[in-house]
PDB file of N, CA and C in Angstrom:
ATOM      1  N   MET A   1     115.192   3.843 -44.590  1.00  0.00           N
ATOM      2  CA  MET A   1     115.409   5.255 -44.321  1.00  0.00           C
ATOM      3  C   MET A   1     116.918   5.516 -44.253  1.00  0.00           C
ATOM      4  N   PRO A   2     117.410   6.560 -44.947  1.00  0.00           N
ATOM      5  CA  PRO A   2     118.841   6.844 -44.931  1.00  0.00           C
ATOM      6  C   PRO A   2     119.304   7.270 -43.542  1.00  0.00           C
ATOM      7  N   SER A   3     120.504   6.890 -43.194  1.00  0.00           N
ATOM      8  CA  SER A   3     121.064   7.308 -41.909  1.00  0.00           C
ATOM      9  C   SER A   3     121.608   8.724 -42.043  1.00  0.00           C
ATOM     10  N   ASN A   4     121.900   9.349 -40.903  1.00  0.00           N
ATOM     11  CA  ASN A   4     122.483  10.690 -40.912  1.00  0.00           C
ATOM     12  C   ASN A   4     123.820  10.706 -41.629  1.00  0.00           C
ATOM     13  N   GLU A   5     124.530   9.580 -41.602  1.00  0.00           N
ATOM     14  CA  GLU A   5     125.823   9.500 -42.267  1.00  0.00           C
ATOM     15  C   GLU A   5     125.674   9.582 -43.781  1.00  0.00           C
ATOM     16  N   ASP A   6     124.504   9.189 -44.312  1.00  0.00           N
ATOM     17  CA  ASP A   6     124.256   9.235 -45.748  1.00  0.00           C
ATOM     18  C   ASP A   6     123.770  10.607 -46.214  1.00  0.00           C
ATOM     19  N   MET A   7     123.345  11.432 -45.282  1.00  0.00           N
ATOM     20  CA  MET A   7     122.789  12.741 -45.625  1.00  0.00           C
ATOM     21  C   MET A   7     123.912  13.767 -45.749  1.00  0.00           C
ATOM     22  N   PRO A   8     123.833  14.645 -46.755  1.00  0.00           N
ATOM     23  CA  PRO A   8     124.844  15.708 -46.865  1.00  0.00           C
ATOM     24  C   PRO A   8     124.825  16.590 -45.621  1.00  0.00           C
ATOM     25  N   GLN A   9     125.973  17.106 -45.259  1.00  0.00           N
ATOM     26  CA  GLN A   9     126.095  17.966 -44.087  1.00  0.00           C
ATOM     27  C   GLN A   9     125.978  19.439 -44.476  1.00  0.00           C
ATOM     28  N   TRP A  10     125.474  19.710 -45.677  1.00  0.00           N
ATOM     29  CA  TRP A  10     125.357  21.070 -46.181  1.00  0.00           C
ATOM     30  C   TRP A  10     124.075  21.189 -46.987  1.00  0.00           C
ATOM     31  N   ASP A  11     123.732  22.410 -47.337  1.00  0.00           N
ATOM     32  CA  ASP A  11     122.543  22.690 -48.145  1.00  0.00           C
ATOM     33  C   ASP A  11     122.901  22.426 -49.609  1.00  0.00           C
ATOM     34  N   VAL A  12     122.318  21.390 -50.190  1.00  0.00           N
ATOM     35  CA  VAL A  12     122.692  20.994 -51.554  1.00  0.00           C
ATOM     36  C   VAL A  12     122.279  22.045 -52.585  1.00  0.00           C
ATOM     37  N   ALA A  13     121.205  22.774 -52.337  1.00  0.00           N
ATOM     38  CA  ALA A  13     120.791  23.821 -53.275  1.00  0.00           C
ATOM     39  C   ALA A  13     121.797  24.971 -53.276  1.00  0.00           C
ATOM     40  N   LEU A  14     122.264  25.370 -52.095  1.00  0.00           N
ATOM     41  CA  LEU A  14     123.264  26.437 -52.019  1.00  0.00           C
ATOM     42  C   LEU A  14     124.593  25.972 -52.599  1.00  0.00           C
ATOM     43  N   ALA A  15     124.931  24.717 -52.377  1.00  0.00           N
ATOM     44  CA  ALA A  15     126.154  24.168 -52.966  1.00  0.00           C
ATOM     45  C   ALA A  15     126.067  24.207 -54.487  1.00  0.00           C
ATOM     46  N   ALA A  16     124.911  23.880 -55.026  1.00  0.00           N
ATOM     47  CA  ALA A  16     124.723  23.909 -56.482  1.00  0.00           C
ATOM     48  C   ALA A  16     124.843  25.332 -57.018  1.00  0.00           C
ATOM     49  N   LEU A  17     124.306  26.318 -56.295  1.00  0.00           N
ATOM     50  CA  LEU A  17     124.439  27.718 -56.714  1.00  0.00           C
ATOM     51  C   LEU A  17     125.902  28.138 -56.763  1.00  0.00           C
ATOM     52  N   ALA A  18     126.650  27.769 -55.738  1.00  0.00           N
ATOM     53  CA  ALA A  18     128.069  28.131 -55.694  1.00  0.00           C
ATOM     54  C   ALA A  18     128.841  27.451 -56.820  1.00  0.00           C
ATOM     55  N   LYS A  19     128.562  26.186 -57.046  1.00  0.00           N
ATOM     56  CA  LYS A  19     129.257  25.466 -58.117  1.00  0.00           C
ATOM     57  C   LYS A  19     128.917  26.055 -59.478  1.00  0.00           C
ATOM     58  N   GLU A  20     127.661  26.433 -59.674  1.00  0.00           N
ATOM     59  CA  GLU A  20     127.262  27.063 -60.936  1.00  0.00           C
ATOM     60  C   GLU A  20     127.982  28.404 -61.115  1.00  0.00           C
ATOM     61  N   ALA A  21     128.064  29.194 -60.040  1.00  0.00           N
ATOM     62  CA  ALA A  21     128.759  30.483 -60.106  1.00  0.00           C
ATOM     63  C   ALA A  21     130.233  30.283 -60.439  1.00  0.00           C
ATOM     64  N   PHE A  22     130.837  29.262 -59.848  1.00  0.00           N
ATOM     65  CA  PHE A  22     132.242  28.952 -60.123  1.00  0.00           C
ATOM     66  C   PHE A  22     132.437  28.589 -61.593  1.00  0.00           C
ATOM     67  N   HIS A  23     131.571  27.744 -62.122  1.00  0.00           N
ATOM     68  CA  HIS A  23     131.694  27.332 -63.525  1.00  0.00           C
ATOM     69  C   HIS A  23     131.415  28.496 -64.475  1.00  0.00           C
ATOM     70  N   THR A  24     130.475  29.352 -64.116  1.00  0.00           N
ATOM     71  CA  THR A  24     130.164  30.519 -64.948  1.00  0.00           C
ATOM     72  C   THR A  24     131.329  31.500 -64.968  1.00  0.00           C
ATOM     73  N   LYS A  25     131.894  31.770 -63.792  1.00  0.00           N
ATOM     74  CA  LYS A  25     133.008  32.712 -63.684  1.00  0.00           C
ATOM     75  C   LYS A  25     134.289  32.109 -64.248  1.00  0.00           C
ATOM     76  N   ASN A  26     134.409  30.792 -64.143  1.00  0.00           N
ATOM     77  CA  ASN A  26     135.601  30.069 -64.599  1.00  0.00           C
ATOM     78  C   ASN A  26     136.865  30.590 -63.910  1.00  0.00           C
ATOM     79  N   ALA A  27     136.698  30.926 -62.649  1.00  0.00           N
ATOM     80  CA  ALA A  27     137.799  31.426 -61.824  1.00  0.00           C
ATOM     81  C   ALA A  27     137.379  31.261 -60.367  1.00  0.00           C
ATOM     82  N   PRO A  28     138.346  31.301 -59.456  1.00  0.00           N
ATOM     83  CA  PRO A  28     137.987  31.184 -58.038  1.00  0.00           C
ATOM     84  C   PRO A  28     136.993  32.266 -57.622  1.00  0.00           C
ATOM     85  N   LEU A  29     136.068  31.886 -56.773  1.00  0.00           N
ATOM     86  CA  LEU A  29     135.090  32.838 -56.252  1.00  0.00           C
ATOM     87  C   LEU A  29     135.690  33.585 -55.069  1.00  0.00           C
ATOM     88  N   ILE A  30     135.334  34.847 -54.953  1.00  0.00           N
ATOM     89  CA  ILE A  30     135.770  35.664 -53.824  1.00  0.00           C
ATOM     90  C   ILE A  30     134.534  36.080 -53.033  1.00  0.00           C
ATOM     91  N   LEU A  31     134.757  36.698 -51.888  1.00  0.00           N
ATOM     92  CA  LEU A  31     133.640  37.057 -51.013  1.00  0.00           C
ATOM     93  C   LEU A  31     132.596  37.907 -51.740  1.00  0.00           C
ATOM     94  N   ASP A  32     133.030  38.814 -52.597  1.00  0.00           N
ATOM     95  CA  ASP A  32     132.071  39.632 -53.353  1.00  0.00           C
ATOM     96  C   ASP A  32     131.138  38.767 -54.196  1.00  0.00           C
ATOM     97  N   ASP A  33     131.647  37.672 -54.743  1.00  0.00           N
ATOM     98  CA  ASP A  33     130.807  36.764 -55.533  1.00  0.00           C
ATOM     99  C   ASP A  33     129.711  36.151 -54.663  1.00  0.00           C
ATOM    100  N   PHE A  34     130.058  35.803 -53.428  1.00  0.00           N
ATOM    101  CA  PHE A  34     129.070  35.227 -52.521  1.00  0.00           C
ATOM    102  C   PHE A  34     128.053  36.281 -52.075  1.00  0.00           C
ATOM    103  N   HIS A  35     128.515  37.529 -51.895  1.00  0.00           N
ATOM    104  CA  HIS A  35     127.576  38.620 -51.603  1.00  0.00           C
ATOM    105  C   HIS A  35     126.593  38.782 -52.759  1.00  0.00           C
ATOM    106  N   ASP A  36     127.096  38.731 -53.989  1.00  0.00           N
ATOM    107  CA  ASP A  36     126.232  38.851 -55.167  1.00  0.00           C
ATOM    108  C   ASP A  36     125.209  37.720 -55.223  1.00  0.00           C
ATOM    109  N   LEU A  37     125.656  36.494 -54.950  1.00  0.00           N
ATOM    110  CA  LEU A  37     124.731  35.356 -54.935  1.00  0.00           C
ATOM    111  C   LEU A  37     123.640  35.555 -53.885  1.00  0.00           C
ATOM    112  N   ALA A  38     124.049  35.999 -52.704  1.00  0.00           N
ATOM    113  CA  ALA A  38     123.087  36.211 -51.623  1.00  0.00           C
ATOM    114  C   ALA A  38     122.054  37.258 -52.024  1.00  0.00           C
ATOM    115  N   ARG A  39     122.524  38.346 -52.586  1.00  0.00           N
ATOM    116  CA  ARG A  39     121.621  39.425 -52.994  1.00  0.00           C
ATOM    117  C   ARG A  39     120.706  38.968 -54.134  1.00  0.00           C
ATOM    118  N   GLU A  40     121.284  38.327 -55.135  1.00  0.00           N
ATOM    119  CA  GLU A  40     120.526  37.896 -56.312  1.00  0.00           C
ATOM    120  C   GLU A  40     119.416  36.906 -55.969  1.00  0.00           C
ATOM    121  N   HIS A  41     119.690  36.022 -55.011  1.00  0.00           N
ATOM    122  CA  HIS A  41     118.735  34.960 -54.687  1.00  0.00           C
ATOM    123  C   HIS A  41     118.028  35.176 -53.347  1.00  0.00           C
ATOM    124  N   ALA A  42     118.224  36.351 -52.742  1.00  0.00           N
ATOM    125  CA  ALA A  42     117.600  36.675 -51.450  1.00  0.00           C
ATOM    126  C   ALA A  42     117.884  35.594 -50.404  1.00  0.00           C
ATOM    127  N   ILE A  43     119.175  35.276 -50.278  1.00  0.00           N
ATOM    128  CA  ILE A  43     119.640  34.259 -49.329  1.00  0.00           C
ATOM    129  C   ILE A  43     120.596  34.946 -48.355  1.00  0.00           C
ATOM    130  N   ARG A  44     120.542  34.546 -47.100  1.00  0.00           N
ATOM    131  CA  ARG A  44     121.491  35.100 -46.127  1.00  0.00           C
ATOM    132  C   ARG A  44     122.910  34.672 -46.485  1.00  0.00           C
ATOM    133  N   LEU A  45     123.838  35.616 -46.463  1.00  0.00           N
ATOM    134  CA  LEU A  45     125.238  35.305 -46.734  1.00  0.00           C
ATOM    135  C   LEU A  45     125.746  34.247 -45.753  1.00  0.00           C
ATOM    136  N   ASP A  46     125.309  34.331 -44.497  1.00  0.00           N
ATOM    137  CA  ASP A  46     125.722  33.340 -43.492  1.00  0.00           C
ATOM    138  C   ASP A  46     125.384  31.921 -43.937  1.00  0.00           C
ATOM    139  N   ASP A  47     124.217  31.739 -44.531  1.00  0.00           N
ATOM    140  CA  ASP A  47     123.811  30.402 -44.975  1.00  0.00           C
ATOM    141  C   ASP A  47     124.698  29.902 -46.107  1.00  0.00           C
ATOM    142  N   ILE A  48     125.031  30.794 -47.027  1.00  0.00           N
ATOM    143  CA  ILE A  48     125.926  30.409 -48.122  1.00  0.00           C
ATOM    144  C   ILE A  48     127.296  30.034 -47.568  1.00  0.00           C
ATOM    145  N   MET A  49     127.829  30.866 -46.674  1.00  0.00           N
ATOM    146  CA  MET A  49     129.169  30.607 -46.146  1.00  0.00           C
ATOM    147  C   MET A  49     129.197  29.338 -45.296  1.00  0.00           C
ATOM    148  N   GLU A  50     128.151  29.103 -44.510  1.00  0.00           N
ATOM    149  CA  GLU A  50     128.065  27.856 -43.732  1.00  0.00           C
ATOM    150  C   GLU A  50     128.144  26.656 -44.675  1.00  0.00           C
ATOM    151  N   THR A  51     127.402  26.724 -45.768  1.00  0.00           N
ATOM    152  CA  THR A  51     127.414  25.635 -46.748  1.00  0.00           C
ATOM    153  C   THR A  51     128.803  25.457 -47.339  1.00  0.00           C
ATOM    154  N   LEU A  52     129.441  26.562 -47.727  1.00  0.00           N
ATOM    155  CA  LEU A  52     130.772  26.461 -48.331  1.00  0.00           C
ATOM    156  C   LEU A  52     131.786  25.904 -47.340  1.00  0.00           C
ATOM    157  N   PHE A  53     131.728  26.350 -46.093  1.00  0.00           N
ATOM    158  CA  PHE A  53     132.653  25.823 -45.090  1.00  0.00           C
ATOM    159  C   PHE A  53     132.421  24.330 -44.864  1.00  0.00           C
ATOM    160  N   GLN A  54     131.169  23.899 -44.858  1.00  0.00           N
ATOM    161  CA  GLN A  54     130.895  22.464 -44.710  1.00  0.00           C
ATOM    162  C   GLN A  54     131.441  21.682 -45.910  1.00  0.00           C
ATOM    163  N   LEU A  55     131.320  22.252 -47.099  1.00  0.00           N
ATOM    164  CA  LEU A  55     131.895  21.600 -48.282  1.00  0.00           C
ATOM    165  C   LEU A  55     133.408  21.474 -48.147  1.00  0.00           C
ATOM    166  N   VAL A  56     134.052  22.526 -47.639  1.00  0.00           N
ATOM    167  CA  VAL A  56     135.508  22.485 -47.436  1.00  0.00           C
ATOM    168  C   VAL A  56     135.862  21.411 -46.409  1.00  0.00           C
ATOM    169  N   ILE A  57     135.159  21.404 -45.298  1.00  0.00           N
ATOM    170  CA  ILE A  57     135.429  20.437 -44.230  1.00  0.00           C
ATOM    171  C   ILE A  57     135.320  19.008 -44.746  1.00  0.00           C
ATOM    172  N   HIS A  58     134.365  18.763 -45.637  1.00  0.00           N
ATOM    173  CA  HIS A  58     134.140  17.413 -46.158  1.00  0.00           C
ATOM    174  C   HIS A  58     134.866  17.142 -47.477  1.00  0.00           C
ATOM    175  N   GLY A  59     135.796  18.030 -47.845  1.00  0.00           N
ATOM    176  CA  GLY A  59     136.637  17.790 -49.010  1.00  0.00           C
ATOM    177  C   GLY A  59     135.952  17.967 -50.357  1.00  0.00           C
ATOM    178  N   GLU A  60     134.824  18.685 -50.377  1.00  0.00           N
ATOM    179  CA  GLU A  60     134.079  18.892 -51.621  1.00  0.00           C
ATOM    180  C   GLU A  60     134.370  20.253 -52.261  1.00  0.00           C
ATOM    181  N   TRP A  61     135.128  21.104 -51.579  1.00  0.00           N
ATOM    182  CA  TRP A  61     135.429  22.453 -52.063  1.00  0.00           C
ATOM    183  C   TRP A  61     136.783  22.835 -51.489  1.00  0.00           C
ATOM    184  N   LYS A  62     137.523  23.674 -52.184  1.00  0.00           N
ATOM    185  CA  LYS A  62     138.817  24.146 -51.676  1.00  0.00           C
ATOM    186  C   LYS A  62     138.696  25.604 -51.276  1.00  0.00           C
ATOM    187  N   TYR A  63     139.268  25.910 -50.121  1.00  0.00           N
ATOM    188  CA  TYR A  63     139.305  27.282 -49.620  1.00  0.00           C
ATOM    189  C   TYR A  63     140.748  27.744 -49.710  1.00  0.00           C
ATOM    190  N   THR A  64     140.985  28.847 -50.434  1.00  0.00           N
ATOM    191  CA  THR A  64     142.347  29.343 -50.603  1.00  0.00           C
ATOM    192  C   THR A  64     142.439  30.796 -50.161  1.00  0.00           C
ATOM    193  N   ASP A  65     143.662  31.205 -49.820  1.00  0.00           N
ATOM    194  CA  ASP A  65     143.883  32.612 -49.497  1.00  0.00           C
ATOM    195  C   ASP A  65     144.085  33.391 -50.796  1.00  0.00           C
ATOM    196  N   ARG A  66     144.365  34.670 -50.680  1.00  0.00           N
ATOM    197  CA  ARG A  66     144.507  35.520 -51.872  1.00  0.00           C
ATOM    198  C   ARG A  66     145.649  35.089 -52.776  1.00  0.00           C
ATOM    199  N   SER A  67     146.629  34.405 -52.215  1.00  0.00           N
ATOM    200  CA  SER A  67     147.769  33.934 -53.010  1.00  0.00           C
ATOM    201  C   SER A  67     147.499  32.589 -53.663  1.00  0.00           C
ATOM    202  N   GLY A  68     146.346  32.008 -53.376  1.00  0.00           N
ATOM    203  CA  GLY A  68     145.999  30.717 -53.952  1.00  0.00           C
ATOM    204  C   GLY A  68     146.444  29.529 -53.124  1.00  0.00           C
ATOM    205  N   ASN A  69     146.942  29.785 -51.918  1.00  0.00           N
ATOM    206  CA  ASN A  69     147.369  28.703 -51.034  1.00  0.00           C
ATOM    207  C   ASN A  69     146.155  28.111 -50.334  1.00  0.00           C
ATOM    208  N   GLN A  70     146.011  26.804 -50.446  1.00  0.00           N
ATOM    209  CA  GLN A  70     144.871  26.139 -49.830  1.00  0.00           C
ATOM    210  C   GLN A  70     144.954  26.247 -48.316  1.00  0.00           C
ATOM    211  N   GLN A  71     143.816  26.575 -47.695  1.00  0.00           N
ATOM    212  CA  GLN A  71     143.727  26.732 -46.249  1.00  0.00           C
ATOM    213  C   GLN A  71     142.900  25.598 -45.658  1.00  0.00           C
ATOM    214  N   HIS A  72     143.381  25.055 -44.552  1.00  0.00           N
ATOM    215  CA  HIS A  72     142.676  23.970 -43.875  1.00  0.00           C
ATOM    216  C   HIS A  72     141.601  24.567 -42.968  1.00  0.00           C
ATOM    217  N   ILE A  73     140.410  24.032 -43.067  1.00  0.00           N
ATOM    218  CA  ILE A  73     139.320  24.417 -42.165  1.00  0.00           C
ATOM    219  C   ILE A  73     138.699  23.138 -41.634  1.00  0.00           C
ATOM    220  N   ASP A  74     138.563  23.063 -40.322  1.00  0.00           N
ATOM    221  CA  ASP A  74     137.870  21.923 -39.727  1.00  0.00           C
ATOM    222  C   ASP A  74     136.685  22.455 -38.922  1.00  0.00           C
ATOM    223  N   GLN A  75     135.939  21.553 -38.340  1.00  0.00           N
ATOM    224  CA  GLN A  75     134.726  21.961 -37.629  1.00  0.00           C
ATOM    225  C   GLN A  75     135.038  22.911 -36.486  1.00  0.00           C
ATOM    226  N   SER A  76     136.135  22.699 -35.771  1.00  0.00           N
ATOM    227  CA  SER A  76     136.448  23.598 -34.651  1.00  0.00           C
ATOM    228  C   SER A  76     136.802  24.996 -35.157  1.00  0.00           C
ATOM    229  N   THR A  77     137.447  25.086 -36.318  1.00  0.00           N
ATOM    230  CA  THR A  77     137.726  26.397 -36.913  1.00  0.00           C
ATOM    231  C   THR A  77     136.419  27.096 -37.253  1.00  0.00           C
ATOM    232  N   LEU A  78     135.510  26.366 -37.887  1.00  0.00           N
ATOM    233  CA  LEU A  78     134.208  26.944 -38.232  1.00  0.00           C
ATOM    234  C   LEU A  78     133.464  27.378 -36.975  1.00  0.00           C
ATOM    235  N   ASP A  79     133.449  26.530 -35.970  1.00  0.00           N
ATOM    236  CA  ASP A  79     132.757  26.860 -34.723  1.00  0.00           C
ATOM    237  C   ASP A  79     133.302  28.152 -34.109  1.00  0.00           C
ATOM    238  N   SER A  80     134.615  28.379 -34.230  1.00  0.00           N
ATOM    239  CA  SER A  80     135.224  29.573 -33.641  1.00  0.00           C
ATOM    240  C   SER A  80     134.851  30.852 -34.390  1.00  0.00           C
ATOM    241  N   LEU A  81     134.330  30.729 -35.604  1.00  0.00           N
ATOM    242  CA  LEU A  81     133.938  31.906 -36.387  1.00  0.00           C
ATOM    243  C   LEU A  81     132.569  32.452 -35.988  1.00  0.00           C
ATOM    244  N   TYR A  82     131.814  31.669 -35.247  1.00  0.00           N
ATOM    245  CA  TYR A  82     130.469  32.091 -34.854  1.00  0.00           C
ATOM    246  C   TYR A  82     130.514  33.081 -33.698  1.00  0.00           C
ATOM    247  N   VAL A  83     129.708  34.127 -33.811  1.00  0.00           N
ATOM    248  CA  VAL A  83     129.507  35.092 -32.739  1.00  0.00           C
ATOM    249  C   VAL A  83     127.999  35.207 -32.557  1.00  0.00           C
ATOM    250  N   LYS A  84     127.539  34.907 -31.367  1.00  0.00           N
ATOM    251  CA  LYS A  84     126.096  34.924 -31.074  1.00  0.00           C
ATOM    252  C   LYS A  84     125.322  34.103 -32.101  1.00  0.00           C
ATOM    253  N   ARG A  85     125.843  32.917 -32.392  1.00  0.00           N
ATOM    254  CA  ARG A  85     125.230  31.932 -33.287  1.00  0.00           C
ATOM    255  C   ARG A  85     125.149  32.399 -34.736  1.00  0.00           C
ATOM    256  N   ARG A  86     125.945  33.390 -35.115  1.00  0.00           N
ATOM    257  CA  ARG A  86     125.984  33.887 -36.497  1.00  0.00           C
ATOM    258  C   ARG A  86     127.429  33.883 -36.974  1.00  0.00           C
ATOM    259  N   LEU A  87     127.606  33.600 -38.250  1.00  0.00           N
ATOM    260  CA  LEU A  87     128.949  33.667 -38.843  1.00  0.00           C
ATOM    261  C   LEU A  87     129.360  35.101 -39.020  1.00  0.00           C
TER     262      LEU A  87
END
């Protein structure tokens, strides 16, 4: 049986959707792109963003500001974004 350390810390299906959207757009994704994904697939935006933040934390995705500067996000940063257990 795989240990918890071997299991991804994010939703692999949502990660695949985001990666597909990135490859289709061939440009950095913005919040509107994630809103579109959520609407198109009837998925909560919070779930998509949680997955993306986990990918960033684990070095599988880059989070940049509007100028293209990479931003560091760690678990404590993500935890601070929650209000009443929602992103």
